[in-house]
Amino acid sequence: MSGALPGLPGSAKALMKRDLRLLWRRRGDAFQPALFALLVVVLFALVLGVTSEQRVQ
């Protein structure tokens, strides 16, 4: 073995390295999920921030 970690930690490290490499190649693809998450948070904040008195008016 050439310094490879055995078992689950080695597999997790290899998958993480692969995913980061893919993300680095296609950086634009990382913005879409981040933008979606931001949109969901903002919409929930807007909906939950309105009180019942404000909705009646």
C-alpha atoms as a PDB file:
ATOM      1  CA  MET A   1       0.000   0.000   0.000  1.00  0.00           C
ATOM      2  CA  SER A   2       1.199   3.448  -0.810  1.00  0.00           C
ATOM      3  CA  GLY A   3      -0.100   5.392   2.176  1.00  0.00           C
ATOM      4  CA  ALA A   4      -3.767   4.682   1.485  1.00  0.00           C
ATOM      5  CA  LEU A   5      -6.120   4.798   4.429  1.00  0.00           C
ATOM      6  CA  PRO A   6      -7.965   1.516   4.957  1.00  0.00           C
ATOM      7  CA  GLY A   7     -11.725   1.160   5.076  1.00  0.00           C
ATOM      8  CA  LEU A   8     -14.305   3.864   5.470  1.00  0.00           C
ATOM      9  CA  PRO A   9     -11.974   6.831   6.177  1.00  0.00           C
ATOM     10  CA  GLY A  10      -9.973   6.124   3.018  1.00  0.00           C
ATOM     11  CA  SER A  11     -13.105   5.800   0.921  1.00  0.00           C
ATOM     12  CA  ALA A  12     -14.562   9.004   2.346  1.00  0.00           C
ATOM     13  CA  LYS A  13     -11.332  10.891   1.660  1.00  0.00           C
ATOM     14  CA  ALA A  14     -11.184   9.596  -1.923  1.00  0.00           C
ATOM     15  CA  LEU A  15     -14.807  10.575  -2.573  1.00  0.00           C
ATOM     16  CA  MET A  16     -14.280  14.018  -1.078  1.00  0.00           C
ATOM     17  CA  LYS A  17     -11.193  14.618  -3.237  1.00  0.00           C
ATOM     18  CA  ARG A  18     -13.078  13.487  -6.344  1.00  0.00           C
ATOM     19  CA  ASP A  19     -16.083  15.698  -5.585  1.00  0.00           C
ATOM     20  CA  LEU A  20     -13.916  18.745  -4.908  1.00  0.00           C
ATOM     21  CA  ARG A  21     -12.023  18.171  -8.151  1.00  0.00           C
ATOM     22  CA  LEU A  22     -15.289  17.955 -10.102  1.00  0.00           C
ATOM     23  CA  LEU A  23     -16.603  21.057  -8.379  1.00  0.00           C
ATOM     24  CA  TRP A  24     -13.424  22.973  -9.211  1.00  0.00           C
ATOM     25  CA  ARG A  25     -13.743  22.046 -12.903  1.00  0.00           C
ATOM     26  CA  ARG A  26     -17.354  23.195 -13.125  1.00  0.00           C
ATOM     27  CA  ARG A  27     -17.528  26.065 -10.648  1.00  0.00           C
ATOM     28  CA  GLY A  28     -20.694  27.508 -12.167  1.00  0.00           C
ATOM     29  CA  ASP A  29     -22.663  24.419 -11.209  1.00  0.00           C
ATOM     30  CA  ALA A  30     -22.055  25.132  -7.525  1.00  0.00           C
ATOM     31  CA  PHE A  31     -23.935  28.428  -7.678  1.00  0.00           C
ATOM     32  CA  GLN A  32     -27.289  26.944  -8.651  1.00  0.00           C
ATOM     33  CA  PRO A  33     -27.861  24.934  -5.424  1.00  0.00           C
ATOM     34  CA  ALA A  34     -26.537  27.837  -3.345  1.00  0.00           C
ATOM     35  CA  LEU A  35     -28.916  30.257  -5.062  1.00  0.00           C
ATOM     36  CA  PHE A  36     -31.824  27.853  -4.566  1.00  0.00           C
ATOM     37  CA  ALA A  37     -31.042  27.526  -0.847  1.00  0.00           C
ATOM     38  CA  LEU A  38     -30.869  31.316  -0.498  1.00  0.00           C
ATOM     39  CA  LEU A  39     -34.182  31.693  -2.303  1.00  0.00           C
ATOM     40  CA  VAL A  40     -35.866  29.140  -0.018  1.00  0.00           C
ATOM     41  CA  VAL A  41     -34.544  30.848   3.115  1.00  0.00           C
ATOM     42  CA  VAL A  42     -35.686  34.279   1.948  1.00  0.00           C
ATOM     43  CA  LEU A  43     -39.152  33.061   0.968  1.00  0.00           C
ATOM     44  CA  PHE A  44     -39.660  31.256   4.283  1.00  0.00           C
ATOM     45  CA  ALA A  45     -38.509  34.347   6.158  1.00  0.00           C
ATOM     46  CA  LEU A  46     -40.976  36.492   4.252  1.00  0.00           C
ATOM     47  CA  VAL A  47     -43.865  34.100   4.844  1.00  0.00           C
ATOM     48  CA  LEU A  48     -43.155  33.499   8.520  1.00  0.00           C
ATOM     49  CA  GLY A  49     -42.427  37.148   9.228  1.00  0.00           C
ATOM     50  CA  VAL A  50     -45.977  38.273   8.425  1.00  0.00           C
ATOM     51  CA  THR A  51     -48.305  38.336  11.441  1.00  0.00           C
ATOM     52  CA  SER A  52     -52.028  37.633  11.260  1.00  0.00           C
ATOM     53  CA  GLU A  53     -52.860  41.325  11.838  1.00  0.00           C
ATOM     54  CA  GLN A  54     -50.720  42.304   8.871  1.00  0.00           C
ATOM     55  CA  ARG A  55     -52.415  39.727   6.636  1.00  0.00           C
ATOM     56  CA  VAL A  56     -55.892  41.083   7.389  1.00  0.00           C
ATOM     57  CA  GLN A  57     -55.024  44.628   6.305  1.00  0.00           C
END
